[in-house]
Amino acid sequence: MAHLYKKIIKGRTYWYLRETHRVDGKVKLKWQKYLGTADSILAKL
């Protein structure tokens, strides 16, 4: 299942949609899609 993931880079917050899965008991990233900043996401809505 996909979920929102927040990254803070140089004090700015960026949002990603990300899906993970387990391989040999460890969580691995399956895919991730960049959504942008909160302001850019609101502008798209």
Protein backbone atom coordinates (compact mmCIF):
# COMPACT_ATOMS: atom_id res chain seq x y z
CA MET A 1 0.00 0.00 0.00
CA ALA A 2 1.28 3.47 -0.85
CA HIS A 3 1.74 6.14 1.81
CA LEU A 4 2.91 9.76 2.09
CA TYR A 5 6.53 10.31 3.06
CA LYS A 6 8.00 13.65 4.16
CA LYS A 7 11.63 14.59 3.48
CA ILE A 8 13.22 17.70 4.97
CA ILE A 9 16.10 18.96 2.83
CA LYS A 10 17.93 22.16 3.85
CA GLY A 11 14.99 23.15 6.05
CA ARG A 12 12.34 22.76 3.30
CA THR A 13 9.70 20.03 3.37
CA TYR A 14 9.06 17.89 0.29
CA TRP A 15 6.37 15.20 -0.05
CA TYR A 16 6.61 11.86 -1.83
CA LEU A 17 4.18 9.01 -2.45
CA ARG A 18 6.04 5.81 -1.63
CA GLU A 19 5.43 2.06 -1.60
CA THR A 20 7.59 -0.43 0.29
CA HIS A 21 7.71 -4.21 0.67
CA ARG A 22 9.61 -6.77 2.77
CA VAL A 23 12.50 -8.81 1.41
CA ASP A 24 14.14 -11.30 3.79
CA GLY A 25 12.62 -9.49 6.79
CA LYS A 26 13.91 -6.04 5.75
CA VAL A 27 11.86 -3.20 4.33
CA LYS A 28 12.83 -2.24 0.77
CA LEU A 29 11.61 0.67 -1.32
CA LYS A 30 9.48 -0.54 -4.23
CA TRP A 31 8.80 2.84 -5.89
CA GLN A 32 8.43 6.51 -5.02
CA LYS A 33 6.84 9.47 -6.81
CA TYR A 34 7.72 13.10 -6.06
CA LEU A 35 4.64 15.21 -5.24
CA GLY A 36 6.30 18.54 -4.41
CA THR A 37 5.97 20.99 -1.56
CA ALA A 38 2.73 21.49 0.36
CA ASP A 39 2.11 24.76 -1.53
CA SER A 40 2.54 23.15 -4.95
CA ILE A 41 0.26 20.25 -3.96
CA LEU A 42 -2.45 22.70 -2.85
CA ALA A 43 -2.09 24.68 -6.09
CA LYS A 44 -2.69 21.48 -8.11
CA LEU A 45 -5.90 20.79 -6.18
